[in-house]
Amino acid sequence: MKKTILRNSLFTLVCSTLLLSTSVQAEIANITVFGSTSPHFSKNYHSPAYQFGKILGQQKKTLIYNGSVYGLLGDVYKGATDGKTEIINISMPDIYNEQCPENHPCRENNTLLVDTVQECQSQLYENADMIVILPGGLETLDAFTGYIIAVGNGEQEKKPVVFLNINHYWDNLRYQLDEMKRQNELGDEDTDFISFTDKPRNVFSEASKLQKQIEKNKSLATQKKITLPTQKGTLTIHY
């Protein structure tokens, strides 16, 4: 039977299922995935997407996504389903009805339906311990840039973001981010939670490294410091 969490009871599902990982500081249990739902990607993109979903399922992590059974996200869904793990759909009614057909098993997953793209993205960000980005189009890019802007504005917490860079799909974006840093349009703090890997099996190890860096930076930010003059310059002491 379909389980739907409506807008006026948003956090019923969150409190009972998603936030269990907050009791362990660095645990990564809830995985939001963005990517293409298009049928037009070449065949050599689909197997890595499925493999990632299967790994996610075998590790009993929760898949959080828009509920689609099509495209690369559909491959992740199939892999997670074969791995027998929990899946949570967060979407808007029209998109959900289009991407998750009536009487399909995807309707059996817990589902949160919201009214706007912004609210949908916000819920996908907030309920994640990490974000994985598969190859996709402008909507996928919008989800990524929306998140890093929200982090920069203090509207979202920093969480690991890992691009599954199948067939080097995201190489140009990676180079662009590096160039923006070289031109001082981005600082290290704007990208220190982002990583790229072309291997599905490395996604969660990359996320763990990013999580450790995020926690380290948080700790340093709360420390007091004093800067002392020395013969060779200055010395900063954290205490």
Protein backbone atom coordinates (compact mmCIF):
# COMPACT_ATOMS: atom_id res chain seq x y z
CA MET A 1 0.00 0.00 0.00
CA LYS A 2 1.31 3.45 -0.89
CA LYS A 3 2.47 5.57 2.02
CA THR A 4 2.23 9.31 1.46
CA ILE A 5 3.37 12.05 3.82
CA LEU A 6 1.51 15.23 2.96
CA ARG A 7 2.77 18.75 3.35
CA ASN A 8 1.17 19.46 6.72
CA SER A 9 2.94 16.48 8.28
CA LEU A 10 6.36 16.81 6.66
CA PHE A 11 8.50 15.67 9.53
CA THR A 12 6.62 12.55 10.60
CA LEU A 13 8.76 10.52 8.23
CA VAL A 14 11.89 12.54 8.89
CA CYS A 15 11.81 12.08 12.65
CA SER A 16 11.07 8.36 12.54
CA THR A 17 13.39 7.34 9.70
CA LEU A 18 15.86 9.87 8.37
CA LEU A 19 17.42 11.56 11.36
CA LEU A 20 18.50 8.36 13.09
CA SER A 21 22.03 8.99 11.85
CA THR A 22 22.41 12.27 13.76
CA SER A 23 23.20 10.35 16.94
CA VAL A 24 26.49 9.28 15.32
CA GLN A 25 28.36 12.33 14.17
CA ALA A 26 29.98 11.04 11.00
CA GLU A 27 27.53 8.31 9.97
CA ILE A 28 26.26 8.59 6.42
CA ALA A 29 22.97 6.73 6.12
CA ASN A 30 20.57 8.83 4.04
CA ILE A 31 21.60 9.43 0.44
CA THR A 32 19.93 12.02 -1.78
CA VAL A 33 20.57 11.35 -5.47
CA PHE A 34 20.10 13.74 -8.38
CA GLY A 35 20.50 12.80 -12.03
CA SER A 36 18.85 12.23 -15.38
CA THR A 37 15.48 10.58 -15.92
CA SER A 38 15.93 10.72 -19.68
CA PRO A 39 16.01 7.53 -21.79
CA HIS A 40 18.58 9.04 -24.16
CA PHE A 41 21.84 8.29 -22.34
CA SER A 42 24.13 5.72 -23.95
CA LYS A 43 24.06 2.18 -22.61
CA ASN A 44 27.49 2.54 -21.01
CA TYR A 45 26.03 5.03 -18.53
CA HIS A 46 23.33 2.73 -17.17
CA SER A 47 25.40 -0.08 -15.67
CA PRO A 48 27.46 2.18 -13.33
CA ALA A 49 24.26 3.88 -12.15
CA TYR A 50 22.72 0.50 -11.37
CA GLN A 51 25.93 -0.65 -9.65
CA PHE A 52 25.86 2.41 -7.42
CA GLY A 53 22.24 1.72 -6.47
CA LYS A 54 23.09 -1.89 -5.72
CA ILE A 55 26.00 -0.87 -3.48
CA LEU A 56 23.76 1.65 -1.73
CA GLY A 57 21.22 -1.11 -1.11
CA GLN A 58 23.74 -3.69 0.06
CA GLN A 59 25.08 -1.20 2.60
CA LYS A 60 21.50 -0.63 3.81
CA LYS A 61 21.60 3.07 3.21
CA THR A 62 18.36 4.92 2.48
CA LEU A 63 17.85 6.20 -1.06
CA ILE A 64 16.12 9.59 -1.20
CA TYR A 65 15.23 10.88 -4.65
CA ASN A 66 12.39 12.08 -6.86
CA GLY A 67 10.74 8.69 -7.24
CA SER A 68 11.51 8.15 -10.93
CA VAL A 69 11.79 4.69 -12.46
CA TYR A 70 13.28 6.10 -15.69
CA GLY A 71 16.75 7.00 -16.91
CA LEU A 72 19.81 6.89 -14.68
CA LEU A 73 17.75 7.56 -11.57
CA GLY A 74 15.63 4.59 -12.55
CA ASP A 75 18.80 2.49 -12.68
CA VAL A 76 19.73 3.61 -9.18
CA TYR A 77 16.21 2.76 -8.03
CA LYS A 78 16.47 -0.74 -9.53
CA GLY A 79 19.83 -1.33 -7.90
CA ALA A 80 18.63 -0.13 -4.51
CA THR A 81 15.51 -2.27 -4.85
CA ASP A 82 17.61 -5.34 -5.67
CA GLY A 83 19.73 -4.47 -2.63
CA LYS A 84 16.54 -4.50 -0.54
CA THR A 85 16.97 -1.16 1.18
CA GLU A 86 14.58 1.64 2.10
CA ILE A 87 13.60 4.15 -0.58
CA ILE A 88 11.92 7.50 -0.02
CA ASN A 89 10.38 9.60 -2.78
CA ILE A 90 10.29 13.40 -2.49
CA SER A 91 8.62 15.08 -5.44
CA MET A 92 5.76 17.22 -6.72
CA PRO A 93 2.43 15.61 -7.67
CA ASP A 94 2.63 16.11 -11.44
CA ILE A 95 6.24 14.94 -11.69
CA TYR A 96 5.62 12.03 -9.34
CA ASN A 97 2.64 10.79 -11.37
CA GLU A 98 4.71 11.04 -14.54
CA GLN A 99 7.86 9.42 -13.19
CA CYS A 100 6.34 6.76 -10.90
CA PRO A 101 3.44 5.12 -12.76
CA GLU A 102 0.26 3.97 -11.04
CA ASN A 103 0.44 0.34 -9.85
CA HIS A 104 4.25 0.31 -10.14
CA PRO A 105 6.15 -0.98 -7.06
CA CYS A 106 7.67 2.50 -6.67
CA ARG A 107 4.28 3.53 -5.26
CA GLU A 108 4.92 1.35 -2.22
CA ASN A 109 7.74 3.60 -1.00
CA ASN A 110 7.23 6.33 1.58
CA THR A 111 6.48 9.47 -0.40
CA LEU A 112 6.50 13.16 0.40
CA LEU A 113 4.73 15.41 -2.11
CA VAL A 114 5.29 19.18 -2.05
CA ASP A 115 4.08 22.13 -4.13
CA THR A 116 7.17 23.80 -5.61
CA VAL A 117 10.59 22.97 -7.05
CA GLN A 118 12.24 25.05 -4.32
CA GLU A 119 10.45 23.18 -1.55
CA CYS A 120 11.23 19.86 -3.20
CA GLN A 121 14.94 20.67 -3.45
CA SER A 122 15.00 21.94 0.12
CA GLN A 123 13.53 18.69 1.43
CA LEU A 124 15.94 16.63 -0.65
CA TYR A 125 18.87 18.63 0.76
CA GLU A 126 17.73 18.70 4.36
CA ASN A 127 16.93 15.01 4.68
CA ALA A 128 20.28 13.88 3.28
CA ASP A 129 23.50 12.94 5.03
CA MET A 130 25.20 13.26 1.66
CA ILE A 131 24.31 14.13 -1.93
CA VAL A 132 25.28 12.09 -4.99
CA ILE A 133 25.04 13.63 -8.46
CA LEU A 134 24.83 11.42 -11.54
CA PRO A 135 25.07 12.65 -15.12
CA GLY A 136 22.10 14.82 -16.00
CA GLY A 137 20.91 18.00 -17.65
CA LEU A 138 20.04 21.51 -16.53
CA GLU A 139 17.71 20.35 -13.74
CA THR A 140 20.56 18.31 -12.26
CA LEU A 141 22.91 21.29 -12.50
CA ASP A 142 20.24 23.47 -10.89
CA ALA A 143 19.98 21.05 -7.97
CA PHE A 144 23.76 21.21 -7.49
CA THR A 145 24.16 24.98 -7.80
CA GLY A 146 21.06 25.51 -5.68
CA TYR A 147 22.67 23.51 -2.90
CA ILE A 148 26.08 25.18 -2.93
CA ILE A 149 24.41 28.61 -3.03
CA ALA A 150 22.19 27.63 -0.09
CA VAL A 151 25.28 26.46 1.82
CA GLY A 152 27.07 29.72 1.05
CA ASN A 153 24.07 31.70 2.27
CA GLY A 154 23.87 29.69 5.48
CA GLU A 155 20.50 28.21 4.51
CA GLN A 156 21.79 24.62 4.38
CA GLU A 157 24.45 22.74 6.31
CA LYS A 158 27.53 21.48 4.53
CA LYS A 159 27.22 17.83 3.59
CA PRO A 160 29.40 15.69 1.33
CA VAL A 161 28.60 16.09 -2.37
CA VAL A 162 30.03 13.38 -4.64
CA PHE A 163 29.72 13.46 -8.42
CA LEU A 164 29.56 9.98 -9.95
CA ASN A 165 31.56 11.03 -12.97
CA ILE A 166 30.53 8.26 -15.36
CA ASN A 167 32.52 8.35 -18.62
CA HIS A 168 34.07 11.67 -17.48
CA TYR A 169 30.70 13.35 -17.95
CA TRP A 170 31.39 16.02 -15.31
CA ASP A 171 35.03 16.74 -16.20
CA ASN A 172 34.26 20.15 -17.69
CA LEU A 173 32.33 21.18 -14.59
CA ARG A 174 35.24 20.08 -12.44
CA TYR A 175 37.64 22.18 -14.52
CA GLN A 176 35.25 25.12 -14.36
CA LEU A 177 35.10 24.98 -10.56
CA ASP A 178 38.91 24.88 -10.44
CA GLU A 179 39.11 27.89 -12.78
CA MET A 180 36.61 29.82 -10.64
CA LYS A 181 38.85 29.15 -7.65
CA ARG A 182 41.93 30.34 -9.55
CA GLN A 183 40.10 33.55 -10.44
CA ASN A 184 39.00 34.02 -6.81
CA GLU A 185 35.32 33.60 -7.65
CA LEU A 186 35.21 30.65 -5.26
CA GLY A 187 37.18 30.00 -2.10
CA ASP A 188 38.35 26.67 -0.70
CA GLU A 189 35.46 26.81 1.74
CA ASP A 190 33.02 26.89 -1.19
CA THR A 191 34.16 23.55 -2.60
CA ASP A 192 35.80 21.62 0.25
CA PHE A 193 32.72 19.41 0.53
CA ILE A 194 32.68 18.40 -3.17
CA SER A 195 34.44 15.44 -4.78
CA PHE A 196 34.39 13.52 -8.07
CA THR A 197 34.82 9.80 -8.74
CA ASP A 198 34.23 7.64 -11.78
CA LYS A 199 33.84 4.43 -9.79
CA PRO A 200 30.54 3.55 -8.04
CA ARG A 201 32.42 1.60 -5.37
CA ASN A 202 34.34 4.73 -4.34
CA VAL A 203 31.36 7.03 -3.76
CA PHE A 204 30.98 6.33 -0.06
CA SER A 205 34.71 6.33 0.72
CA GLU A 206 34.93 9.75 -0.95
CA ALA A 207 31.97 10.91 1.14
CA SER A 208 33.62 9.69 4.35
CA LYS A 209 36.76 11.71 3.58
CA LEU A 210 34.67 14.80 2.88
CA GLN A 211 32.69 14.27 6.08
CA LYS A 212 35.88 14.12 8.15
CA GLN A 213 37.07 17.37 6.53
CA ILE A 214 33.73 19.06 7.21
CA GLU A 215 33.83 18.01 10.88
CA LYS A 216 37.46 19.15 11.18
CA ASN A 217 36.61 22.56 9.72
CA LYS A 218 33.65 22.89 12.09
CA SER A 219 35.93 22.14 15.02
CA LEU A 220 38.52 24.69 13.90
CA ALA A 221 35.82 27.31 13.42
CA THR A 222 34.74 26.98 17.05
CA GLN A 223 38.27 27.15 18.45
CA LYS A 224 39.75 30.34 19.80
CA LYS A 225 43.04 31.48 18.33
CA ILE A 226 45.82 33.94 19.01
CA THR A 227 48.37 35.21 16.48
CA LEU A 228 51.87 35.98 17.77
CA PRO A 229 54.70 37.80 15.96
CA THR A 230 57.86 35.79 15.27
CA GLN A 231 61.18 36.51 13.58
CA LYS A 232 59.91 34.82 10.40
CA GLY A 233 56.39 36.25 10.42
CA THR A 234 53.51 35.19 12.62
CA LEU A 235 52.43 32.07 14.48
CA THR A 236 48.76 31.21 14.99
CA ILE A 237 47.88 29.10 18.01
CA HIS A 238 44.45 27.45 18.33
CA TYR A 239 43.21 26.72 21.85
